[in-house]
Amino acid sequence: MTAQGFSADDIDTSRPHSARMYDYFLGGKTNYEADIKGAEAVIAGWPGVLTGARVNRAFMHRATRWLVREAGIRQFLDIGTGIPTEPNLHQVAQGLAPEVRVVYADNDPIVLRYAQALLRSTPEGRTAYLHADVTEPDTILGHPELHETLDLSRPVALSLNAVFHYIGDEKKPHEVVAKLVDALAPGSYLTLTHCTPDFDPETWRRLHEMAAGANSPMGRERTKEEILPFFEGLEFVEPGLVPPHRWRPEPDQPLADATDAEVSLYAGVARKP
């Protein structure tokens, strides 16, 4: 696949961008001066964001391994893919089961630019990239390449990691997730991570003040009670909705001693009955 129709003019490097800032938090190189300044401002107000980004990434790897090994999942739909950071989801999954098929979806032009990095599949499996917006789920569910790559009559793991805290209530995020899950077969799974103020409300209050002072948009962190409805009708895999470093920890997992306040995320994996 090529980034057909892409132009460098589509990328605004004069303003910080969430995907490029997240790349910076992970130690990546796909960021610009505005992103670095924006990221450093967040770090000044919330030093734990660096820990949170890395813990979130490690959770994605563990959850993917569990879904392949324990749940027998061989199809993944990863929405809000972000800038490719290795190992990508398909590399983790196909490293365990080469026949795994993965569809990535994102609406960010910079992700489209780097889409080739997401498409290096094993010969036995397949990967595809959709340029689509999660807040318009029909653009994903109706995309021909989704149906050419995945068989929605068989279980699929829907991955929504660190996506919905960027989406305000006016976009009806719970309804969006419900529509995506409804399109999947029984035996499918939802894996989702989301920022929360529950463990450090003072820091989140300060972050909102900083964003207002800088006339900068702020994401929509949510409490546990507000995140639980994303999983409505699904059966949680133990240990349920917990901070990501506490979800089935492994002996050698990075940042195992991180505090919940530093991470300020919830994570969960749940099965569609």
C-alpha atoms as a PDB file:
ATOM      1  CA  MET A   1       0.000   0.000   0.000  1.00  0.00           C
ATOM      2  CA  THR A   2       1.166   3.516  -0.702  1.00  0.00           C
ATOM      3  CA  ALA A   3       0.140   6.778   0.868  1.00  0.00           C
ATOM      4  CA  GLN A   4      -1.773   7.761  -2.255  1.00  0.00           C
ATOM      5  CA  GLY A   5      -2.984  11.350  -2.243  1.00  0.00           C
ATOM      6  CA  PHE A   6      -0.696  12.264   0.649  1.00  0.00           C
ATOM      7  CA  SER A   7       1.030  15.620   0.635  1.00  0.00           C
ATOM      8  CA  ALA A   8       3.501  17.014   3.119  1.00  0.00           C
ATOM      9  CA  ASP A   9       1.190  20.039   3.254  1.00  0.00           C
ATOM     10  CA  ASP A  10      -1.353  17.819   5.018  1.00  0.00           C
ATOM     11  CA  ILE A  11       0.842  17.821   8.138  1.00  0.00           C
ATOM     12  CA  ASP A  12       0.747  20.938  10.306  1.00  0.00           C
ATOM     13  CA  THR A  13       4.091  21.118  12.088  1.00  0.00           C
ATOM     14  CA  SER A  14       3.398  24.531  13.638  1.00  0.00           C
ATOM     15  CA  ARG A  15       1.122  23.111  16.360  1.00  0.00           C
ATOM     16  CA  PRO A  16       1.712  20.222  18.761  1.00  0.00           C
ATOM     17  CA  HIS A  17      -0.046  17.026  17.738  1.00  0.00           C
ATOM     18  CA  SER A  18      -1.117  14.247  20.101  1.00  0.00           C
ATOM     19  CA  ALA A  19       0.293  11.384  18.001  1.00  0.00           C
ATOM     20  CA  ARG A  20       3.678  13.055  17.591  1.00  0.00           C
ATOM     21  CA  MET A  21       3.753  13.997  21.281  1.00  0.00           C
ATOM     22  CA  TYR A  22       3.021  10.374  22.197  1.00  0.00           C
ATOM     23  CA  ASP A  23       5.871   9.361  19.907  1.00  0.00           C
ATOM     24  CA  TYR A  24       8.110  11.765  21.833  1.00  0.00           C
ATOM     25  CA  PHE A  25       6.986  10.297  25.171  1.00  0.00           C
ATOM     26  CA  LEU A  26       8.005   6.857  23.856  1.00  0.00           C
ATOM     27  CA  GLY A  27      11.421   8.128  22.799  1.00  0.00           C
ATOM     28  CA  GLY A  28      10.595   8.232  19.081  1.00  0.00           C
ATOM     29  CA  LYS A  29      11.950  10.610  16.454  1.00  0.00           C
ATOM     30  CA  THR A  30       8.784  11.438  14.490  1.00  0.00           C
ATOM     31  CA  ASN A  31       8.115  14.801  16.102  1.00  0.00           C
ATOM     32  CA  TYR A  32       8.770  18.481  15.491  1.00  0.00           C
ATOM     33  CA  GLU A  33       9.722  21.509  17.573  1.00  0.00           C
ATOM     34  CA  ALA A  34       6.095  22.350  18.405  1.00  0.00           C
ATOM     35  CA  ASP A  35       5.476  18.753  19.500  1.00  0.00           C
ATOM     36  CA  ILE A  36       8.562  18.732  21.704  1.00  0.00           C
ATOM     37  CA  LYS A  37       7.559  22.012  23.363  1.00  0.00           C
ATOM     38  CA  GLY A  38       4.031  20.736  23.896  1.00  0.00           C
ATOM     39  CA  ALA A  39       5.266  17.421  25.255  1.00  0.00           C
ATOM     40  CA  GLU A  40       7.741  19.083  27.615  1.00  0.00           C
ATOM     41  CA  ALA A  41       4.958  21.311  28.935  1.00  0.00           C
ATOM     42  CA  VAL A  42       2.877  18.220  29.705  1.00  0.00           C
ATOM     43  CA  ILE A  43       5.881  16.542  31.330  1.00  0.00           C
ATOM     44  CA  ALA A  44       6.400  19.601  33.528  1.00  0.00           C
ATOM     45  CA  GLY A  45       2.827  19.329  34.782  1.00  0.00           C
ATOM     46  CA  TRP A  46       2.647  15.531  34.808  1.00  0.00           C
ATOM     47  CA  PRO A  47       6.080  13.870  34.944  1.00  0.00           C
ATOM     48  CA  GLY A  48       4.341  10.490  35.077  1.00  0.00           C
ATOM     49  CA  VAL A  49       3.201  10.833  31.455  1.00  0.00           C
ATOM     50  CA  LEU A  50       6.485   9.257  30.340  1.00  0.00           C
ATOM     51  CA  THR A  51       5.817   6.271  32.581  1.00  0.00           C
ATOM     52  CA  GLY A  52       2.185   6.111  31.490  1.00  0.00           C
ATOM     53  CA  ALA A  53       3.073   6.019  27.791  1.00  0.00           C
ATOM     54  CA  ARG A  54       5.552   3.185  28.272  1.00  0.00           C
ATOM     55  CA  VAL A  55       3.258   1.221  30.584  1.00  0.00           C
ATOM     56  CA  ASN A  56       0.441   1.584  28.057  1.00  0.00           C
ATOM     57  CA  ARG A  57       2.675   0.255  25.294  1.00  0.00           C
ATOM     58  CA  ALA A  58       3.791  -2.690  27.421  1.00  0.00           C
ATOM     59  CA  PHE A  59       0.152  -3.511  28.193  1.00  0.00           C
ATOM     60  CA  MET A  60      -0.642  -3.620  24.470  1.00  0.00           C
ATOM     61  CA  HIS A  61       2.142  -6.151  23.967  1.00  0.00           C
ATOM     62  CA  ARG A  62       0.981  -8.348  26.891  1.00  0.00           C
ATOM     63  CA  ALA A  63      -2.686  -8.170  25.915  1.00  0.00           C
ATOM     64  CA  THR A  64      -1.853  -9.068  22.316  1.00  0.00           C
ATOM     65  CA  ARG A  65       0.209 -12.046  23.434  1.00  0.00           C
ATOM     66  CA  TRP A  66      -2.621 -13.214  25.718  1.00  0.00           C
ATOM     67  CA  LEU A  67      -5.206 -12.862  22.957  1.00  0.00           C
ATOM     68  CA  VAL A  68      -3.103 -14.954  20.572  1.00  0.00           C
ATOM     69  CA  ARG A  69      -1.887 -17.589  23.022  1.00  0.00           C
ATOM     70  CA  GLU A  70      -4.813 -17.990  25.407  1.00  0.00           C
ATOM     71  CA  ALA A  71      -7.846 -16.790  23.471  1.00  0.00           C
ATOM     72  CA  GLY A  72      -6.775 -18.147  20.083  1.00  0.00           C
ATOM     73  CA  ILE A  73      -7.425 -14.843  18.301  1.00  0.00           C
ATOM     74  CA  ARG A  74      -6.056 -14.646  14.765  1.00  0.00           C
ATOM     75  CA  GLN A  75      -7.651 -11.348  13.635  1.00  0.00           C
ATOM     76  CA  PHE A  76      -7.072  -7.854  15.010  1.00  0.00           C
ATOM     77  CA  LEU A  77      -8.604  -4.451  14.270  1.00  0.00           C
ATOM     78  CA  ASP A  78      -6.390  -1.735  15.766  1.00  0.00           C
ATOM     79  CA  ILE A  79      -8.010   1.717  15.651  1.00  0.00           C
ATOM     80  CA  GLY A  80      -6.127   4.870  16.535  1.00  0.00           C
ATOM     81  CA  THR A  81      -2.922   3.212  15.484  1.00  0.00           C
ATOM     82  CA  GLY A  82      -0.653   6.205  15.874  1.00  0.00           C
ATOM     83  CA  ILE A  83       2.871   6.564  14.578  1.00  0.00           C
ATOM     84  CA  PRO A  84       4.482   3.133  14.128  1.00  0.00           C
ATOM     85  CA  THR A  85       6.698   2.204  17.069  1.00  0.00           C
ATOM     86  CA  GLU A  86       8.321  -1.218  16.953  1.00  0.00           C
ATOM     87  CA  PRO A  87       7.327  -3.779  17.830  1.00  0.00           C
ATOM     88  CA  ASN A  88       3.950  -3.006  16.303  1.00  0.00           C
ATOM     89  CA  LEU A  89       0.866  -5.043  17.173  1.00  0.00           C
ATOM     90  CA  HIS A  90       1.163  -7.227  14.075  1.00  0.00           C
ATOM     91  CA  GLN A  91       4.806  -7.978  14.848  1.00  0.00           C
ATOM     92  CA  VAL A  92       3.891  -9.156  18.347  1.00  0.00           C
ATOM     93  CA  ALA A  93       0.925 -11.226  17.145  1.00  0.00           C
ATOM     94  CA  GLN A  94       2.545 -12.720  14.038  1.00  0.00           C
ATOM     95  CA  GLY A  95       5.642 -13.539  16.052  1.00  0.00           C
ATOM     96  CA  LEU A  96       3.452 -16.035  17.889  1.00  0.00           C
ATOM     97  CA  ALA A  97       1.103 -17.044  15.049  1.00  0.00           C
ATOM     98  CA  PRO A  98       2.350 -16.077  11.562  1.00  0.00           C
ATOM     99  CA  GLU A  99      -1.135 -16.478  10.058  1.00  0.00           C
ATOM    100  CA  VAL A 100      -2.569 -13.568  12.079  1.00  0.00           C
ATOM    101  CA  ARG A 101      -4.317 -10.837  10.078  1.00  0.00           C
ATOM    102  CA  VAL A 102      -4.311  -7.221  11.250  1.00  0.00           C
ATOM    103  CA  VAL A 103      -6.133  -4.123  10.048  1.00  0.00           C
ATOM    104  CA  TYR A 104      -4.868  -0.768  11.296  1.00  0.00           C
ATOM    105  CA  ALA A 105      -7.029   2.362  11.115  1.00  0.00           C
ATOM    106  CA  ASP A 106      -6.216   6.001  11.800  1.00  0.00           C
ATOM    107  CA  ASN A 107      -7.307   9.374  10.455  1.00  0.00           C
ATOM    108  CA  ASP A 108      -3.989  11.158  10.966  1.00  0.00           C
ATOM    109  CA  PRO A 109      -2.095  12.164   7.781  1.00  0.00           C
ATOM    110  CA  ILE A 110       1.239  11.522   9.502  1.00  0.00           C
ATOM    111  CA  VAL A 111       0.207   7.918  10.221  1.00  0.00           C
ATOM    112  CA  LEU A 112      -0.771   7.571   6.571  1.00  0.00           C
ATOM    113  CA  ARG A 113       2.726   8.770   5.686  1.00  0.00           C
ATOM    114  CA  TYR A 114       4.270   5.950   7.710  1.00  0.00           C
ATOM    115  CA  ALA A 115       1.672   3.323   6.820  1.00  0.00           C
ATOM    116  CA  GLN A 116       4.215   1.191   4.959  1.00  0.00           C
ATOM    117  CA  ALA A 117       5.843   0.367   8.302  1.00  0.00           C
ATOM    118  CA  LEU A 118       2.524  -1.109   9.430  1.00  0.00           C
ATOM    119  CA  LEU A 119       2.178  -3.373   6.432  1.00  0.00           C
ATOM    120  CA  ARG A 120       5.230  -5.625   6.689  1.00  0.00           C
ATOM    121  CA  SER A 121       3.328  -8.825   7.289  1.00  0.00           C
ATOM    122  CA  THR A 122       4.530 -12.390   7.475  1.00  0.00           C
ATOM    123  CA  PRO A 123       3.918 -14.333   4.232  1.00  0.00           C
ATOM    124  CA  GLU A 124       1.317 -16.460   6.033  1.00  0.00           C
ATOM    125  CA  GLY A 125      -0.649 -13.497   7.414  1.00  0.00           C
ATOM    126  CA  ARG A 126      -1.747 -10.114   6.165  1.00  0.00           C
ATOM    127  CA  THR A 127      -1.848  -6.498   7.304  1.00  0.00           C
ATOM    128  CA  ALA A 128      -3.808  -3.571   5.898  1.00  0.00           C
ATOM    129  CA  TYR A 129      -4.137   0.123   6.728  1.00  0.00           C
ATOM    130  CA  LEU A 130      -7.344   2.171   6.519  1.00  0.00           C
ATOM    131  CA  HIS A 131      -7.341   5.956   6.557  1.00  0.00           C
ATOM    132  CA  ALA A 132     -10.564   6.420   8.523  1.00  0.00           C
ATOM    133  CA  ASP A 133     -12.000   8.216  11.556  1.00  0.00           C
ATOM    134  CA  VAL A 134     -13.101   6.234  14.620  1.00  0.00           C
ATOM    135  CA  THR A 135     -15.791   8.830  15.379  1.00  0.00           C
ATOM    136  CA  GLU A 136     -17.374   7.803  12.059  1.00  0.00           C
ATOM    137  CA  PRO A 137     -17.372   4.019  12.570  1.00  0.00           C
ATOM    138  CA  ASP A 138     -19.159   3.359   9.277  1.00  0.00           C
ATOM    139  CA  THR A 139     -16.034   4.588   7.449  1.00  0.00           C
ATOM    140  CA  ILE A 140     -14.210   1.657   9.054  1.00  0.00           C
ATOM    141  CA  LEU A 141     -16.915  -0.999   9.103  1.00  0.00           C
ATOM    142  CA  GLY A 142     -17.882  -0.323   5.493  1.00  0.00           C
ATOM    143  CA  HIS A 143     -14.346  -0.131   4.121  1.00  0.00           C
ATOM    144  CA  PRO A 144     -13.745  -2.774   1.408  1.00  0.00           C
ATOM    145  CA  GLU A 145     -10.198  -3.475   2.592  1.00  0.00           C
ATOM    146  CA  LEU A 146     -11.463  -4.333   6.073  1.00  0.00           C
ATOM    147  CA  HIS A 147     -13.627  -7.089   4.596  1.00  0.00           C
ATOM    148  CA  GLU A 148     -10.887  -8.220   2.220  1.00  0.00           C
ATOM    149  CA  THR A 149      -8.519  -8.702   5.170  1.00  0.00           C
ATOM    150  CA  LEU A 150     -10.722  -9.808   8.076  1.00  0.00           C
ATOM    151  CA  ASP A 151     -13.622 -12.240   8.264  1.00  0.00           C
ATOM    152  CA  LEU A 152     -16.104 -10.541  10.606  1.00  0.00           C
ATOM    153  CA  SER A 153     -18.072 -13.769  10.949  1.00  0.00           C
ATOM    154  CA  ARG A 154     -15.125 -15.044  13.044  1.00  0.00           C
ATOM    155  CA  PRO A 155     -13.745 -13.554  16.291  1.00  0.00           C
ATOM    156  CA  VAL A 156     -11.746 -10.338  16.064  1.00  0.00           C
ATOM    157  CA  ALA A 157      -9.822  -8.469  18.761  1.00  0.00           C
ATOM    158  CA  LEU A 158     -10.724  -4.769  18.638  1.00  0.00           C
ATOM    159  CA  SER A 159      -7.840  -2.706  20.002  1.00  0.00           C
ATOM    160  CA  LEU A 160      -8.621   0.844  21.216  1.00  0.00           C
ATOM    161  CA  ASN A 161      -5.519   1.796  23.145  1.00  0.00           C
ATOM    162  CA  ALA A 162      -5.130   5.403  24.330  1.00  0.00           C
ATOM    163  CA  VAL A 163      -7.732   6.635  21.815  1.00  0.00           C
ATOM    164  CA  PHE A 164     -10.937   7.670  23.511  1.00  0.00           C
ATOM    165  CA  HIS A 165      -9.468  10.121  25.999  1.00  0.00           C
ATOM    166  CA  TYR A 166      -8.962  12.317  22.924  1.00  0.00           C
ATOM    167  CA  ILE A 167     -12.670  12.147  22.066  1.00  0.00           C
ATOM    168  CA  GLY A 168     -15.164  14.398  23.813  1.00  0.00           C
ATOM    169  CA  ASP A 169     -18.624  13.431  24.977  1.00  0.00           C
ATOM    170  CA  GLU A 170     -20.207  15.362  22.105  1.00  0.00           C
ATOM    171  CA  LYS A 171     -18.915  12.652  19.739  1.00  0.00           C
ATOM    172  CA  LYS A 172     -20.864  10.014  21.734  1.00  0.00           C
ATOM    173  CA  PRO A 173     -17.826   7.770  22.303  1.00  0.00           C
ATOM    174  CA  HIS A 174     -19.700   5.015  24.131  1.00  0.00           C
ATOM    175  CA  GLU A 175     -22.091   4.686  21.204  1.00  0.00           C
ATOM    176  CA  VAL A 176     -19.155   4.555  18.787  1.00  0.00           C
ATOM    177  CA  VAL A 177     -17.548   1.660  20.677  1.00  0.00           C
ATOM    178  CA  ALA A 178     -20.884  -0.150  20.947  1.00  0.00           C
ATOM    179  CA  LYS A 179     -21.368   0.092  17.177  1.00  0.00           C
ATOM    180  CA  LEU A 180     -17.889  -1.293  16.520  1.00  0.00           C
ATOM    181  CA  VAL A 181     -18.395  -4.173  18.967  1.00  0.00           C
ATOM    182  CA  ASP A 182     -21.859  -4.931  17.560  1.00  0.00           C
ATOM    183  CA  ALA A 183     -20.267  -5.583  14.154  1.00  0.00           C
ATOM    184  CA  LEU A 184     -18.022  -8.302  15.581  1.00  0.00           C
ATOM    185  CA  ALA A 185     -18.776 -11.999  15.982  1.00  0.00           C
ATOM    186  CA  PRO A 186     -19.387 -13.654  19.370  1.00  0.00           C
ATOM    187  CA  GLY A 187     -16.066 -14.656  20.877  1.00  0.00           C
ATOM    188  CA  SER A 188     -14.485 -11.353  19.838  1.00  0.00           C
ATOM    189  CA  TYR A 189     -12.623  -9.182  22.331  1.00  0.00           C
ATOM    190  CA  LEU A 190     -12.316  -5.482  23.164  1.00  0.00           C
ATOM    191  CA  THR A 191      -9.041  -4.188  24.590  1.00  0.00           C
ATOM    192  CA  LEU A 192      -9.093  -0.554  25.691  1.00  0.00           C
ATOM    193  CA  THR A 193      -6.933   1.852  27.693  1.00  0.00           C
ATOM    194  CA  HIS A 194      -8.029   5.292  28.850  1.00  0.00           C
ATOM    195  CA  CYS A 195      -6.638   8.168  30.935  1.00  0.00           C
ATOM    196  CA  THR A 196      -8.235   8.759  34.333  1.00  0.00           C
ATOM    197  CA  PRO A 197      -8.054  11.408  37.077  1.00  0.00           C
ATOM    198  CA  ASP A 198      -8.959   8.837  39.741  1.00  0.00           C
ATOM    199  CA  PHE A 199      -5.460   8.340  41.161  1.00  0.00           C
ATOM    200  CA  ASP A 200      -4.162  11.926  41.019  1.00  0.00           C
ATOM    201  CA  PRO A 201      -7.001  14.478  40.681  1.00  0.00           C
ATOM    202  CA  GLU A 202      -4.784  17.424  41.622  1.00  0.00           C
ATOM    203  CA  THR A 203      -2.425  16.828  38.698  1.00  0.00           C
ATOM    204  CA  TRP A 204      -5.334  16.611  36.263  1.00  0.00           C
ATOM    205  CA  ARG A 205      -6.807  19.847  37.635  1.00  0.00           C
ATOM    206  CA  ARG A 206      -3.423  21.505  37.088  1.00  0.00           C
ATOM    207  CA  LEU A 207      -3.188  20.120  33.548  1.00  0.00           C
ATOM    208  CA  HIS A 208      -6.577  21.605  32.694  1.00  0.00           C
ATOM    209  CA  GLU A 209      -5.462  24.982  34.035  1.00  0.00           C
ATOM    210  CA  MET A 210      -2.284  24.817  31.948  1.00  0.00           C
ATOM    211  CA  ALA A 211      -4.239  23.914  28.809  1.00  0.00           C
ATOM    212  CA  ALA A 212      -6.697  26.760  29.367  1.00  0.00           C
ATOM    213  CA  GLY A 213      -3.871  29.238  29.907  1.00  0.00           C
ATOM    214  CA  ALA A 214      -2.164  28.144  26.706  1.00  0.00           C
ATOM    215  CA  ASN A 215      -5.470  28.122  24.777  1.00  0.00           C
ATOM    216  CA  SER A 216      -4.698  24.479  24.010  1.00  0.00           C
ATOM    217  CA  PRO A 217      -7.323  21.722  23.672  1.00  0.00           C
ATOM    218  CA  MET A 218      -7.388  19.197  26.491  1.00  0.00           C
ATOM    219  CA  GLY A 219      -8.406  15.581  26.213  1.00  0.00           C
ATOM    220  CA  ARG A 220     -11.315  14.057  28.106  1.00  0.00           C
ATOM    221  CA  GLU A 221      -9.974  11.913  30.918  1.00  0.00           C
ATOM    222  CA  ARG A 222     -12.679   9.755  32.523  1.00  0.00           C
ATOM    223  CA  THR A 223     -13.302   8.091  35.864  1.00  0.00           C
ATOM    224  CA  LYS A 224     -13.637   4.336  36.231  1.00  0.00           C
ATOM    225  CA  GLU A 225     -17.418   4.712  36.337  1.00  0.00           C
ATOM    226  CA  GLU A 226     -17.285   6.592  33.024  1.00  0.00           C
ATOM    227  CA  ILE A 227     -14.962   4.064  31.383  1.00  0.00           C
ATOM    228  CA  LEU A 228     -16.878   0.935  32.411  1.00  0.00           C
ATOM    229  CA  PRO A 229     -19.758   1.616  29.938  1.00  0.00           C
ATOM    230  CA  PHE A 230     -17.329   1.113  27.037  1.00  0.00           C
ATOM    231  CA  PHE A 231     -17.434  -2.574  28.052  1.00  0.00           C
ATOM    232  CA  GLU A 232     -21.196  -2.833  28.440  1.00  0.00           C
ATOM    233  CA  GLY A 233     -22.481  -6.302  27.566  1.00  0.00           C
ATOM    234  CA  LEU A 234     -18.974  -7.796  27.550  1.00  0.00           C
ATOM    235  CA  GLU A 235     -17.311 -10.222  29.952  1.00  0.00           C
ATOM    236  CA  PHE A 236     -14.103  -8.950  31.534  1.00  0.00           C
ATOM    237  CA  VAL A 237     -11.008 -11.084  31.447  1.00  0.00           C
ATOM    238  CA  GLU A 238      -9.494 -11.175  34.941  1.00  0.00           C
ATOM    239  CA  PRO A 239      -8.432  -8.943  36.640  1.00  0.00           C
ATOM    240  CA  GLY A 240     -11.003  -6.639  35.032  1.00  0.00           C
ATOM    241  CA  LEU A 241     -10.553  -2.869  34.605  1.00  0.00           C
ATOM    242  CA  VAL A 242      -7.288  -1.983  36.326  1.00  0.00           C
ATOM    243  CA  PRO A 243      -4.200   0.208  35.798  1.00  0.00           C
ATOM    244  CA  PRO A 244      -2.378  -1.340  32.823  1.00  0.00           C
ATOM    245  CA  HIS A 245       0.749  -2.402  34.723  1.00  0.00           C
ATOM    246  CA  ARG A 246      -1.527  -4.460  37.008  1.00  0.00           C
ATOM    247  CA  TRP A 247      -3.164  -6.356  34.145  1.00  0.00           C
ATOM    248  CA  ARG A 248      -1.592  -9.842  34.174  1.00  0.00           C
ATOM    249  CA  PRO A 249       1.913  -8.575  34.999  1.00  0.00           C
ATOM    250  CA  GLU A 250       4.896 -10.560  33.812  1.00  0.00           C
ATOM    251  CA  PRO A 251       8.109 -11.130  35.809  1.00  0.00           C
ATOM    252  CA  ASP A 252      10.283  -9.055  33.483  1.00  0.00           C
ATOM    253  CA  GLN A 253       7.763  -6.381  32.572  1.00  0.00           C
ATOM    254  CA  PRO A 254       9.167  -2.828  32.444  1.00  0.00           C
ATOM    255  CA  LEU A 255       8.145  -0.251  35.051  1.00  0.00           C
ATOM    256  CA  ALA A 256       6.556  -2.900  37.259  1.00  0.00           C
ATOM    257  CA  ASP A 257       7.080  -0.612  40.271  1.00  0.00           C
ATOM    258  CA  ALA A 258       5.227   2.340  38.715  1.00  0.00           C
ATOM    259  CA  THR A 259       2.538   3.904  40.887  1.00  0.00           C
ATOM    260  CA  ASP A 260      -1.089   4.167  39.795  1.00  0.00           C
ATOM    261  CA  ALA A 261      -0.825   7.963  40.046  1.00  0.00           C
ATOM    262  CA  GLU A 262       2.135   8.056  37.672  1.00  0.00           C
ATOM    263  CA  VAL A 263       0.332   5.906  35.117  1.00  0.00           C
ATOM    264  CA  SER A 264      -3.154   7.447  35.494  1.00  0.00           C
ATOM    265  CA  LEU A 265      -4.696   4.962  33.079  1.00  0.00           C
ATOM    266  CA  TYR A 266      -7.200   2.145  33.186  1.00  0.00           C
ATOM    267  CA  ALA A 267      -6.932  -0.907  30.963  1.00  0.00           C
ATOM    268  CA  GLY A 268      -9.211  -3.816  30.291  1.00  0.00           C
ATOM    269  CA  VAL A 269      -9.781  -6.786  28.024  1.00  0.00           C
ATOM    270  CA  ALA A 270     -13.305  -8.173  27.650  1.00  0.00           C
ATOM    271  CA  ARG A 271     -14.994 -10.897  25.593  1.00  0.00           C
ATOM    272  CA  LYS A 272     -18.179 -10.596  23.570  1.00  0.00           C
ATOM    273  CA  PRO A 273     -20.387 -13.552  24.603  1.00  0.00           C
END
